[in-house]
């Protein structure tokens, strides 16, 4: 009978170890599942935010393309045309002096000292 009792005690302890090990593994599996669910939730959330941001950016691009197209089709204002003409007349007036200065500075840079 002692042998049977010892065997029973051994089996009981083994059973308890198996149950505790099972509970530990179940908890670990639950933690991993919670972690995966949290990761997936975060991933989905970030994906939705990126999708909204991209949609907004595309709308902005389309809007500005329309604005620029409209501005390009519009004739230039009289002030702009006057400014442009004044700029080019100044360039034509100053160009010979500028070329002479560039030529002079090149000659000075290459002349022996």
PDB file of N, CA and C in Angstrom:
ATOM      1  N   UNK A   1       0.813  -1.186   0.000  1.00  0.00           N
ATOM      2  CA  UNK A   1       0.000   0.000   0.000  1.00  0.00           C
ATOM      3  C   UNK A   1       0.860   1.254   0.000  1.00  0.00           C
ATOM      4  N   UNK A   2       1.996   1.211   0.623  1.00  0.00           N
ATOM      5  CA  UNK A   2       2.894   2.361   0.610  1.00  0.00           C
ATOM      6  C   UNK A   2       3.324   2.689  -0.816  1.00  0.00           C
ATOM      7  N   UNK A   3       3.547   1.632  -1.557  1.00  0.00           N
ATOM      8  CA  UNK A   3       3.966   1.832  -2.929  1.00  0.00           C
ATOM      9  C   UNK A   3       2.856   2.502  -3.756  1.00  0.00           C
ATOM     10  N   UNK A   4       1.653   2.116  -3.521  1.00  0.00           N
ATOM     11  CA  UNK A   4       0.509   2.692  -4.221  1.00  0.00           C
ATOM     12  C   UNK A   4       0.320   4.154  -3.819  1.00  0.00           C
ATOM     13  N   UNK A   5       0.502   4.421  -2.533  1.00  0.00           N
ATOM     14  CA  UNK A   5       0.376   5.796  -2.041  1.00  0.00           C
ATOM     15  C   UNK A   5       1.473   6.680  -2.621  1.00  0.00           C
ATOM     16  N   UNK A   6       2.693   6.172  -2.665  1.00  0.00           N
ATOM     17  CA  UNK A   6       3.796   6.932  -3.248  1.00  0.00           C
ATOM     18  C   UNK A   6       3.541   7.209  -4.732  1.00  0.00           C
ATOM     19  N   UNK A   7       3.062   6.209  -5.384  1.00  0.00           N
ATOM     20  CA  UNK A   7       2.756   6.349  -6.819  1.00  0.00           C
ATOM     21  C   UNK A   7       1.657   7.396  -7.019  1.00  0.00           C
ATOM     22  N   UNK A   8       0.656   7.370  -6.172  1.00  0.00           N
ATOM     23  CA  UNK A   8      -0.450   8.329  -6.222  1.00  0.00           C
ATOM     24  C   UNK A   8       0.053   9.750  -5.970  1.00  0.00           C
ATOM     25  N   UNK A   9       0.932   9.914  -4.957  1.00  0.00           N
ATOM     26  CA  UNK A   9       1.505  11.222  -4.650  1.00  0.00           C
ATOM     27  C   UNK A   9       2.352  11.728  -5.826  1.00  0.00           C
ATOM     28  N   UNK A  10       3.138  10.849  -6.398  1.00  0.00           N
ATOM     29  CA  UNK A  10       3.972  11.216  -7.542  1.00  0.00           C
ATOM     30  C   UNK A  10       3.099  11.668  -8.713  1.00  0.00           C
ATOM     31  N   UNK A  11       2.063  10.922  -9.000  1.00  0.00           N
ATOM     32  CA  UNK A  11       1.160  11.272 -10.095  1.00  0.00           C
ATOM     33  C   UNK A  11       0.421  12.580  -9.811  1.00  0.00           C
ATOM     34  N   UNK A  12       0.053  12.783  -8.560  1.00  0.00           N
ATOM     35  CA  UNK A  12      -0.637  14.013  -8.181  1.00  0.00           C
ATOM     36  C   UNK A  12       0.266  15.228  -8.374  1.00  0.00           C
ATOM     37  N   UNK A  13       1.535  15.112  -7.926  1.00  0.00           N
ATOM     38  CA  UNK A  13       2.487  16.224  -8.114  1.00  0.00           C
ATOM     39  C   UNK A  13       2.740  16.470  -9.598  1.00  0.00           C
ATOM     40  N   UNK A  14       2.907  15.430 -10.359  1.00  0.00           N
ATOM     41  CA  UNK A  14       3.124  15.552 -11.794  1.00  0.00           C
ATOM     42  C   UNK A  14       1.927  16.241 -12.440  1.00  0.00           C
ATOM     43  N   UNK A  15       0.742  15.855 -12.020  1.00  0.00           N
ATOM     44  CA  UNK A  15      -0.480  16.464 -12.539  1.00  0.00           C
ATOM     45  C   UNK A  15      -0.508  17.965 -12.213  1.00  0.00           C
ATOM     46  N   UNK A  16      -0.179  18.328 -10.984  1.00  0.00           N
ATOM     47  CA  UNK A  16      -0.146  19.737 -10.574  1.00  0.00           C
ATOM     48  C   UNK A  16       0.880  20.522 -11.389  1.00  0.00           C
ATOM     49  N   UNK A  17       2.052  19.917 -11.621  1.00  0.00           N
ATOM     50  CA  UNK A  17       3.084  20.574 -12.435  1.00  0.00           C
ATOM     51  C   UNK A  17       2.591  20.803 -13.867  1.00  0.00           C
ATOM     52  N   UNK A  18       1.939  19.797 -14.396  1.00  0.00           N
ATOM     53  CA  UNK A  18       1.421  19.907 -15.765  1.00  0.00           C
ATOM     54  C   UNK A  18       0.358  21.003 -15.833  1.00  0.00           C
ATOM     55  N   UNK A  19      -0.540  21.042 -14.836  1.00  0.00           N
ATOM     56  CA  UNK A  19      -1.600  22.071 -14.804  1.00  0.00           C
ATOM     57  C   UNK A  19      -0.992  23.461 -14.670  1.00  0.00           C
ATOM     58  N   UNK A  20      -0.014  23.632 -13.789  1.00  0.00           N
ATOM     59  CA  UNK A  20       0.598  24.958 -13.610  1.00  0.00           C
ATOM     60  C   UNK A  20       1.358  25.374 -14.875  1.00  0.00           C
ATOM     61  N   UNK A  21       2.019  24.416 -15.500  1.00  0.00           N
ATOM     62  CA  UNK A  21       2.737  24.702 -16.742  1.00  0.00           C
ATOM     63  C   UNK A  21       1.746  25.102 -17.843  1.00  0.00           C
ATOM     64  N   UNK A  22       0.627  24.403 -17.887  1.00  0.00           N
ATOM     65  CA  UNK A  22      -0.427  24.712 -18.871  1.00  0.00           C
ATOM     66  C   UNK A  22      -0.972  26.121 -18.643  1.00  0.00           C
ATOM     67  N   UNK A  23      -1.227  26.472 -17.385  1.00  0.00           N
ATOM     68  CA  UNK A  23      -1.744  27.804 -17.067  1.00  0.00           C
ATOM     69  C   UNK A  23      -0.737  28.887 -17.465  1.00  0.00           C
ATOM     70  N   UNK A  24       0.537  28.632 -17.203  1.00  0.00           N
ATOM     71  CA  UNK A  24       1.575  29.584 -17.580  1.00  0.00           C
ATOM     72  C   UNK A  24       1.622  29.766 -19.095  1.00  0.00           C
ATOM     73  N   UNK A  25       1.539  28.666 -19.836  1.00  0.00           N
ATOM     74  CA  UNK A  25       1.556  28.740 -21.298  1.00  0.00           C
ATOM     75  C   UNK A  25       0.315  29.445 -21.850  1.00  0.00           C
ATOM     76  N   UNK A  26      -0.828  29.203 -21.218  1.00  0.00           N
ATOM     77  CA  UNK A  26      -2.063  29.877 -21.647  1.00  0.00           C
ATOM     78  C   UNK A  26      -1.933  31.386 -21.434  1.00  0.00           C
ATOM     79  N   UNK A  27      -1.385  31.803 -20.269  1.00  0.00           N
ATOM     80  CA  UNK A  27      -1.181  33.235 -19.997  1.00  0.00           C
ATOM     81  C   UNK A  27      -0.227  33.853 -21.023  1.00  0.00           C
ATOM     82  N   UNK A  28       0.861  33.138 -21.323  1.00  0.00           N
ATOM     83  CA  UNK A  28       1.813  33.642 -22.315  1.00  0.00           C
ATOM     84  C   UNK A  28       1.139  33.804 -23.678  1.00  0.00           C
ATOM     85  N   UNK A  29       0.333  32.827 -24.053  1.00  0.00           N
ATOM     86  CA  UNK A  29      -0.375  32.893 -25.331  1.00  0.00           C
ATOM     87  C   UNK A  29      -1.344  34.075 -25.347  1.00  0.00           C
ATOM     88  N   UNK A  30      -2.029  34.299 -24.227  1.00  0.00           N
ATOM     89  CA  UNK A  30      -2.953  35.440 -24.137  1.00  0.00           C
ATOM     90  C   UNK A  30      -2.196  36.755 -24.266  1.00  0.00           C
ATOM     91  N   UNK A  31      -1.040  36.875 -23.597  1.00  0.00           N
ATOM     92  CA  UNK A  31      -0.238  38.099 -23.684  1.00  0.00           C
ATOM     93  C   UNK A  31       0.237  38.345 -25.117  1.00  0.00           C
ATOM     94  N   UNK A  32       0.681  37.261 -25.759  1.00  0.00           N
ATOM     95  CA  UNK A  32       1.128  37.404 -27.142  1.00  0.00           C
ATOM     96  C   UNK A  32      -0.030  37.828 -28.049  1.00  0.00           C
ATOM     97  N   UNK A  33      -1.190  37.235 -27.824  1.00  0.00           N
ATOM     98  CA  UNK A  33      -2.360  37.579 -28.622  1.00  0.00           C
ATOM     99  C   UNK A  33      -2.749  39.038 -28.395  1.00  0.00           C
ATOM    100  N   UNK A  34      -2.738  39.474 -27.135  1.00  0.00           N
ATOM    101  CA  UNK A  34      -3.045  40.874 -26.835  1.00  0.00           C
ATOM    102  C   UNK A  34      -2.032  41.801 -27.508  1.00  0.00           C
ATOM    103  N   UNK A  35      -0.764  41.411 -27.459  1.00  0.00           N
ATOM    104  CA  UNK A  35       0.278  42.211 -28.104  1.00  0.00           C
ATOM    105  C   UNK A  35       0.065  42.297 -29.605  1.00  0.00           C
ATOM    106  N   UNK A  36      -0.302  41.176 -30.227  1.00  0.00           N
ATOM    107  CA  UNK A  36      -0.556  41.170 -31.659  1.00  0.00           C
ATOM    108  C   UNK A  36      -1.777  42.011 -32.003  1.00  0.00           C
ATOM    109  N   UNK A  37      -2.824  41.898 -31.183  1.00  0.00           N
ATOM    110  CA  UNK A  37      -4.028  42.693 -31.416  1.00  0.00           C
ATOM    111  C   UNK A  37      -3.717  44.182 -31.293  1.00  0.00           C
ATOM    112  N   UNK A  38      -2.926  44.550 -30.285  1.00  0.00           N
ATOM    113  CA  UNK A  38      -2.542  45.948 -30.105  1.00  0.00           C
ATOM    114  C   UNK A  38      -1.709  46.426 -31.295  1.00  0.00           C
ATOM    115  N   UNK A  39      -0.773  45.574 -31.747  1.00  0.00           N
ATOM    116  CA  UNK A  39       0.058  45.920 -32.892  1.00  0.00           C
ATOM    117  C   UNK A  39      -0.803  46.114 -34.145  1.00  0.00           C
ATOM    118  N   UNK A  40      -1.741  45.193 -34.364  1.00  0.00           N
ATOM    119  CA  UNK A  40      -2.616  45.300 -35.529  1.00  0.00           C
ATOM    120  C   UNK A  40      -3.491  46.547 -35.445  1.00  0.00           C
ATOM    121  N   UNK A  41      -3.990  46.848 -34.244  1.00  0.00           N
ATOM    122  CA  UNK A  41      -4.803  48.049 -34.060  1.00  0.00           C
ATOM    123  C   UNK A  41      -3.981  49.289 -34.379  1.00  0.00           C
ATOM    124  N   UNK A  42      -2.762  49.342 -33.877  1.00  0.00           N
ATOM    125  CA  UNK A  42      -1.877  50.475 -34.131  1.00  0.00           C
ATOM    126  C   UNK A  42      -1.564  50.582 -35.617  1.00  0.00           C
ATOM    127  N   UNK A  43      -1.289  49.447 -36.230  1.00  0.00           N
ATOM    128  CA  UNK A  43      -0.964  49.428 -37.653  1.00  0.00           C
ATOM    129  C   UNK A  43      -2.142  49.926 -38.486  1.00  0.00           C
ATOM    130  N   UNK A  44      -3.326  49.443 -38.184  1.00  0.00           N
ATOM    131  CA  UNK A  44      -4.526  49.867 -38.911  1.00  0.00           C
ATOM    132  C   UNK A  44      -4.765  51.359 -38.696  1.00  0.00           C
ATOM    133  N   UNK A  45      -4.589  51.798 -37.458  1.00  0.00           N
ATOM    134  CA  UNK A  45      -4.793  53.207 -37.136  1.00  0.00           C
ATOM    135  C   UNK A  45      -3.823  54.089 -37.917  1.00  0.00           C
ATOM    136  N   UNK A  46      -2.547  53.707 -37.949  1.00  0.00           N
ATOM    137  CA  UNK A  46      -1.550  54.481 -38.692  1.00  0.00           C
ATOM    138  C   UNK A  46      -1.834  54.450 -40.186  1.00  0.00           C
ATOM    139  N   UNK A  47      -2.293  53.319 -40.690  1.00  0.00           N
ATOM    140  CA  UNK A  47      -2.630  53.195 -42.106  1.00  0.00           C
ATOM    141  C   UNK A  47      -3.780  54.129 -42.452  1.00  0.00           C
ATOM    142  N   UNK A  48      -4.794  54.178 -41.590  1.00  0.00           N
ATOM    143  CA  UNK A  48      -5.927  55.073 -41.836  1.00  0.00           C
ATOM    144  C   UNK A  48      -5.494  56.539 -41.796  1.00  0.00           C
ATOM    145  N   UNK A  49      -4.622  56.886 -40.865  1.00  0.00           N
ATOM    146  CA  UNK A  49      -4.117  58.255 -40.789  1.00  0.00           C
ATOM    147  C   UNK A  49      -3.332  58.618 -42.053  1.00  0.00           C
ATOM    148  N   UNK A  50      -2.498  57.689 -42.504  1.00  0.00           N
ATOM    149  CA  UNK A  50      -1.710  57.931 -43.720  1.00  0.00           C
ATOM    150  C   UNK A  50      -2.627  58.080 -44.931  1.00  0.00           C
ATOM    151  N   UNK A  51      -3.665  57.279 -44.972  1.00  0.00           N
ATOM    152  CA  UNK A  51      -4.619  57.345 -46.078  1.00  0.00           C
ATOM    153  C   UNK A  51      -5.327  58.711 -46.096  1.00  0.00           C
ATOM    154  N   UNK A  52      -5.743  59.199 -44.925  1.00  0.00           N
ATOM    155  CA  UNK A  52      -6.377  60.521 -44.832  1.00  0.00           C
ATOM    156  C   UNK A  52      -5.401  61.620 -45.255  1.00  0.00           C
ATOM    157  N   UNK A  53      -4.159  61.514 -44.753  1.00  0.00           N
ATOM    158  CA  UNK A  53      -3.143  62.514 -45.082  1.00  0.00           C
ATOM    159  C   UNK A  53      -2.876  62.532 -46.589  1.00  0.00           C
ATOM    160  N   UNK A  54      -2.749  61.356 -47.194  1.00  0.00           N
ATOM    161  CA  UNK A  54      -2.487  61.279 -48.633  1.00  0.00           C
ATOM    162  C   UNK A  54      -3.654  61.839 -49.443  1.00  0.00           C
ATOM    163  N   UNK A  55      -4.869  61.553 -48.990  1.00  0.00           N
ATOM    164  CA  UNK A  55      -6.050  62.073 -49.677  1.00  0.00           C
ATOM    165  C   UNK A  55      -6.061  63.597 -49.610  1.00  0.00           C
ATOM    166  N   UNK A  56      -5.747  64.138 -48.445  1.00  0.00           N
ATOM    167  CA  UNK A  56      -5.692  65.590 -48.274  1.00  0.00           C
ATOM    168  C   UNK A  56      -4.615  66.201 -49.161  1.00  0.00           C
ATOM    169  N   UNK A  57      -3.450  65.562 -49.206  1.00  0.00           N
ATOM    170  CA  UNK A  57      -2.358  66.063 -50.052  1.00  0.00           C
ATOM    171  C   UNK A  57      -2.744  66.045 -51.532  1.00  0.00           C
ATOM    172  N   UNK A  58      -3.414  64.975 -51.964  1.00  0.00           N
ATOM    173  CA  UNK A  58      -3.848  64.898 -53.364  1.00  0.00           C
ATOM    174  C   UNK A  58      -4.865  65.990 -53.684  1.00  0.00           C
ATOM    175  N   UNK A  59      -5.771  66.246 -52.746  1.00  0.00           N
ATOM    176  CA  UNK A  59      -6.746  67.321 -52.957  1.00  0.00           C
ATOM    177  C   UNK A  59      -6.046  68.668 -53.046  1.00  0.00           C
ATOM    178  N   UNK A  60      -5.052  68.899 -52.183  1.00  0.00           N
ATOM    179  CA  UNK A  60      -4.288  70.151 -52.233  1.00  0.00           C
ATOM    180  C   UNK A  60      -3.566  70.292 -53.573  1.00  0.00           C
ATOM    181  N   UNK A  61      -2.961  69.212 -54.038  1.00  0.00           N
ATOM    182  CA  UNK A  61      -2.238  69.249 -55.315  1.00  0.00           C
ATOM    183  C   UNK A  61      -3.197  69.586 -56.453  1.00  0.00           C
ATOM    184  N   UNK A  62      -4.363  68.934 -56.477  1.00  0.00           N
ATOM    185  CA  UNK A  62      -5.347  69.207 -57.537  1.00  0.00           C
ATOM    186  C   UNK A  62      -5.812  70.654 -57.477  1.00  0.00           C
ATOM    187  N   UNK A  63      -6.034  71.148 -56.263  1.00  0.00           N
ATOM    188  CA  UNK A  63      -6.470  72.534 -56.093  1.00  0.00           C
ATOM    189  C   UNK A  63      -5.421  73.501 -56.640  1.00  0.00           C
ATOM    190  N   UNK A  64      -4.170  73.305 -56.249  1.00  0.00           N
ATOM    191  CA  UNK A  64      -3.120  74.217 -56.691  1.00  0.00           C
ATOM    192  C   UNK A  64      -2.827  74.083 -58.184  1.00  0.00           C
ATOM    193  N   UNK A  65      -3.006  72.897 -58.733  1.00  0.00           N
ATOM    194  CA  UNK A  65      -2.853  72.741 -60.180  1.00  0.00           C
ATOM    195  C   UNK A  65      -3.904  73.580 -60.905  1.00  0.00           C
ATOM    196  N   UNK A  66      -5.134  73.547 -60.397  1.00  0.00           N
ATOM    197  CA  UNK A  66      -6.198  74.341 -61.004  1.00  0.00           C
ATOM    198  C   UNK A  66      -5.907  75.832 -60.873  1.00  0.00           C
ATOM    199  N   UNK A  67      -5.434  76.239 -59.694  1.00  0.00           N
ATOM    200  CA  UNK A  67      -5.105  77.658 -59.474  1.00  0.00           C
ATOM    201  C   UNK A  67      -3.992  78.089 -60.417  1.00  0.00           C
ATOM    202  N   UNK A  68      -2.926  77.293 -60.529  1.00  0.00           N
ATOM    203  CA  UNK A  68      -1.805  77.650 -61.396  1.00  0.00           C
ATOM    204  C   UNK A  68      -2.222  77.672 -62.872  1.00  0.00           C
ATOM    205  N   UNK A  69      -3.057  76.726 -63.258  1.00  0.00           N
ATOM    206  CA  UNK A  69      -3.530  76.693 -64.645  1.00  0.00           C
ATOM    207  C   UNK A  69      -4.321  77.960 -64.952  1.00  0.00           C
ATOM    208  N   UNK A  70      -5.168  78.344 -64.010  1.00  0.00           N
ATOM    209  CA  UNK A  70      -5.965  79.564 -64.194  1.00  0.00           C
ATOM    210  C   UNK A  70      -5.055  80.790 -64.292  1.00  0.00           C
ATOM    211  N   UNK A  71      -4.043  80.848 -63.439  1.00  0.00           N
ATOM    212  CA  UNK A  71      -3.131  81.996 -63.454  1.00  0.00           C
ATOM    213  C   UNK A  71      -2.304  82.044 -64.740  1.00  0.00           C
ATOM    214  N   UNK A  72      -1.934  80.857 -65.252  1.00  0.00           N
ATOM    215  CA  UNK A  72      -1.132  80.814 -66.473  1.00  0.00           C
ATOM    216  C   UNK A  72      -1.958  81.267 -67.685  1.00  0.00           C
ATOM    217  N   UNK A  73      -3.263  81.030 -67.647  1.00  0.00           N
ATOM    218  CA  UNK A  73      -4.118  81.412 -68.763  1.00  0.00           C
ATOM    219  C   UNK A  73      -4.484  82.892 -68.711  1.00  0.00           C
ATOM    220  N   UNK A  74      -4.338  83.482 -67.557  1.00  0.00           N
ATOM    221  CA  UNK A  74      -4.673  84.888 -67.366  1.00  0.00           C
ATOM    222  C   UNK A  74      -3.584  85.760 -68.000  1.00  0.00           C
ATOM    223  N   UNK A  75      -3.962  86.845 -68.694  1.00  0.00           N
ATOM    224  CA  UNK A  75      -2.923  87.727 -69.268  1.00  0.00           C
ATOM    225  C   UNK A  75      -2.177  88.465 -68.155  1.00  0.00           C
ATOM    226  N   UNK A  76      -0.940  88.854 -68.481  1.00  0.00           N
ATOM    227  CA  UNK A  76      -0.125  89.563 -67.499  1.00  0.00           C
ATOM    228  C   UNK A  76      -0.704  90.948 -67.238  1.00  0.00           C
ATOM    229  N   UNK A  77      -0.498  91.429 -66.034  1.00  0.00           N
ATOM    230  CA  UNK A  77      -0.967  92.772 -65.690  1.00  0.00           C
ATOM    231  C   UNK A  77      -0.052  93.809 -66.335  1.00  0.00           C
ATOM    232  N   UNK A  78      -0.577  95.035 -66.462  1.00  0.00           N
ATOM    233  CA  UNK A  78       0.195  96.122 -67.066  1.00  0.00           C
ATOM    234  C   UNK A  78       1.434  96.421 -66.227  1.00  0.00           C
ATOM    235  N   UNK A  79       1.310  96.358 -64.914  1.00  0.00           N
ATOM    236  CA  UNK A  79       2.462  96.602 -64.034  1.00  0.00           C
ATOM    237  C   UNK A  79       3.566  95.574 -64.275  1.00  0.00           C
ATOM    238  N   UNK A  80       3.179  94.319 -64.433  1.00  0.00           N
ATOM    239  CA  UNK A  80       4.168  93.271 -64.666  1.00  0.00           C
ATOM    240  C   UNK A  80       4.877  93.479 -66.002  1.00  0.00           C
ATOM    241  N   UNK A  81       4.115  93.820 -67.019  1.00  0.00           N
ATOM    242  CA  UNK A  81       4.711  94.029 -68.342  1.00  0.00           C
ATOM    243  C   UNK A  81       5.690  95.205 -68.302  1.00  0.00           C
ATOM    244  N   UNK A  82       5.294  96.280 -67.620  1.00  0.00           N
ATOM    245  CA  UNK A  82       6.182  97.436 -67.483  1.00  0.00           C
ATOM    246  C   UNK A  82       7.464  97.054 -66.748  1.00  0.00           C
ATOM    247  N   UNK A  83       7.319  96.333 -65.661  1.00  0.00           N
ATOM    248  CA  UNK A  83       8.475  95.895 -64.874  1.00  0.00           C
ATOM    249  C   UNK A  83       9.406  95.023 -65.712  1.00  0.00           C
ATOM    250  N   UNK A  84       8.815  94.112 -66.478  1.00  0.00           N
ATOM    251  CA  UNK A  84       9.597  93.218 -67.336  1.00  0.00           C
ATOM    252  C   UNK A  84      10.381  94.021 -68.387  1.00  0.00           C
ATOM    253  N   UNK A  85       9.724  94.990 -69.009  1.00  0.00           N
ATOM    254  CA  UNK A  85      10.391  95.812 -70.028  1.00  0.00           C
ATOM    255  C   UNK A  85      11.523  96.636 -69.417  1.00  0.00           C
ATOM    256  N   UNK A  86      11.288  97.184 -68.231  1.00  0.00           N
ATOM    257  CA  UNK A  86      12.327  97.957 -67.558  1.00  0.00           C
ATOM    258  C   UNK A  86      13.519  97.069 -67.203  1.00  0.00           C
ATOM    259  N   UNK A  87      13.236  95.856 -66.753  1.00  0.00           N
ATOM    260  CA  UNK A  87      14.310  94.918 -66.398  1.00  0.00           C
ATOM    261  C   UNK A  87      15.176  94.630 -67.616  1.00  0.00           C
ATOM    262  N   UNK A  88      14.556  94.267 -68.733  1.00  0.00           N
ATOM    263  CA  UNK A  88      15.339  93.907 -69.913  1.00  0.00           C
ATOM    264  C   UNK A  88      16.081  95.110 -70.498  1.00  0.00           C
ATOM    265  N   UNK A  89      15.513  96.304 -70.412  1.00  0.00           N
ATOM    266  CA  UNK A  89      16.253  97.476 -70.905  1.00  0.00           C
ATOM    267  C   UNK A  89      17.469  97.740 -70.011  1.00  0.00           C
ATOM    268  N   UNK A  90      17.331  97.522 -68.688  1.00  0.00           N
ATOM    269  CA  UNK A  90      18.463  97.677 -67.781  1.00  0.00           C
ATOM    270  C   UNK A  90      19.543  96.639 -68.093  1.00  0.00           C
ATOM    271  N   UNK A  91      19.117  95.401 -68.347  1.00  0.00           N
ATOM    272  CA  UNK A  91      20.080  94.348 -68.684  1.00  0.00           C
ATOM    273  C   UNK A  91      20.826  94.710 -69.957  1.00  0.00           C
ATOM    274  N   UNK A  92      20.118  95.156 -70.982  1.00  0.00           N
ATOM    275  CA  UNK A  92      20.769  95.533 -72.240  1.00  0.00           C
ATOM    276  C   UNK A  92      21.734  96.693 -72.038  1.00  0.00           C
ATOM    277  N   UNK A  93      21.381  97.627 -71.165  1.00  0.00           N
ATOM    278  CA  UNK A  93      22.232  98.778 -70.897  1.00  0.00           C
ATOM    279  C   UNK A  93      23.492  98.377 -70.121  1.00  0.00           C
ATOM    280  N   UNK A  94      23.346  97.493 -69.149  1.00  0.00           N
ATOM    281  CA  UNK A  94      24.453  97.128 -68.267  1.00  0.00           C
ATOM    282  C   UNK A  94      25.323  95.989 -68.814  1.00  0.00           C
ATOM    283  N   UNK A  95      24.833  95.256 -69.781  1.00  0.00           N
ATOM    284  CA  UNK A  95      25.538  94.075 -70.290  1.00  0.00           C
ATOM    285  C   UNK A  95      26.948  94.389 -70.810  1.00  0.00           C
ATOM    286  N   UNK A  96      27.155  95.413 -71.616  1.00  0.00           N
ATOM    287  CA  UNK A  96      28.525  95.682 -72.089  1.00  0.00           C
ATOM    288  C   UNK A  96      29.494  95.981 -70.944  1.00  0.00           C
ATOM    289  N   UNK A  97      29.066  96.779 -69.961  1.00  0.00           N
ATOM    290  CA  UNK A  97      29.932  97.069 -68.813  1.00  0.00           C
ATOM    291  C   UNK A  97      30.242  95.790 -68.025  1.00  0.00           C
ATOM    292  N   UNK A  98      29.238  94.963 -67.857  1.00  0.00           N
ATOM    293  CA  UNK A  98      29.415  93.705 -67.106  1.00  0.00           C
ATOM    294  C   UNK A  98      30.427  92.807 -67.817  1.00  0.00           C
ATOM    295  N   UNK A  99      30.272  92.678 -69.145  1.00  0.00           N
ATOM    296  CA  UNK A  99      31.206  91.842 -69.923  1.00  0.00           C
ATOM    297  C   UNK A  99      32.628  92.373 -69.805  1.00  0.00           C
ATOM    298  N   UNK A 100      32.778  93.714 -69.851  1.00  0.00           N
ATOM    299  CA  UNK A 100      34.107  94.319 -69.725  1.00  0.00           C
ATOM    300  C   UNK A 100      34.702  94.026 -68.351  1.00  0.00           C
ATOM    301  N   UNK A 101      33.916  94.114 -67.319  1.00  0.00           N
ATOM    302  CA  UNK A 101      34.392  93.823 -65.952  1.00  0.00           C
ATOM    303  C   UNK A 101      34.805  92.365 -65.808  1.00  0.00           C
ATOM    304  N   UNK A 102      34.018  91.465 -66.385  1.00  0.00           N
ATOM    305  CA  UNK A 102      34.347  90.035 -66.314  1.00  0.00           C
ATOM    306  C   UNK A 102      35.660  89.777 -67.048  1.00  0.00           C
ATOM    307  N   UNK A 103      35.812  90.373 -68.237  1.00  0.00           N
ATOM    308  CA  UNK A 103      37.039  90.188 -69.018  1.00  0.00           C
ATOM    309  C   UNK A 103      38.244  90.734 -68.260  1.00  0.00           C
ATOM    310  N   UNK A 104      38.072  91.915 -67.655  1.00  0.00           N
ATOM    311  CA  UNK A 104      39.148  92.539 -66.894  1.00  0.00           C
ATOM    312  C   UNK A 104      39.533  91.680 -65.687  1.00  0.00           C
ATOM    313  N   UNK A 105      38.540  91.156 -64.958  1.00  0.00           N
ATOM    314  CA  UNK A 105      38.845  90.334 -63.772  1.00  0.00           C
ATOM    315  C   UNK A 105      39.516  89.022 -64.170  1.00  0.00           C
ATOM    316  N   UNK A 106      39.157  88.458 -65.322  1.00  0.00           N
ATOM    317  CA  UNK A 106      39.824  87.240 -65.805  1.00  0.00           C
ATOM    318  C   UNK A 106      41.288  87.526 -66.141  1.00  0.00           C
ATOM    319  N   UNK A 107      41.538  88.663 -66.799  1.00  0.00           N
ATOM    320  CA  UNK A 107      42.912  89.011 -67.174  1.00  0.00           C
ATOM    321  C   UNK A 107      43.760  89.245 -65.927  1.00  0.00           C
ATOM    322  N   UNK A 108      43.175  89.899 -64.915  1.00  0.00           N
ATOM    323  CA  UNK A 108      43.918  90.140 -63.682  1.00  0.00           C
ATOM    324  C   UNK A 108      44.194  88.847 -62.932  1.00  0.00           C
ATOM    325  N   UNK A 109      43.263  87.923 -63.014  1.00  0.00           N
ATOM    326  CA  UNK A 109      43.440  86.651 -62.302  1.00  0.00           C
ATOM    327  C   UNK A 109      44.562  85.820 -62.923  1.00  0.00           C
ATOM    328  N   UNK A 110      44.733  85.914 -64.225  1.00  0.00           N
ATOM    329  CA  UNK A 110      45.742  85.098 -64.899  1.00  0.00           C
ATOM    330  C   UNK A 110      47.054  85.828 -65.152  1.00  0.00           C
ATOM    331  N   UNK A 111      47.125  87.123 -64.851  1.00  0.00           N
ATOM    332  CA  UNK A 111      48.361  87.854 -65.101  1.00  0.00           C
ATOM    333  C   UNK A 111      49.384  87.560 -63.999  1.00  0.00           C
ATOM    334  N   UNK A 112      50.671  87.477 -64.369  1.00  0.00           N
ATOM    335  CA  UNK A 112      51.705  87.205 -63.353  1.00  0.00           C
ATOM    336  C   UNK A 112      51.888  88.399 -62.443  1.00  0.00           C
ATOM    337  N   UNK A 113      52.253  88.161 -61.234  1.00  0.00           N
ATOM    338  CA  UNK A 113      52.419  89.252 -60.247  1.00  0.00           C
ATOM    339  C   UNK A 113      53.843  89.575 -60.018  1.00  0.00           C
TER     340      UNK A 113
END
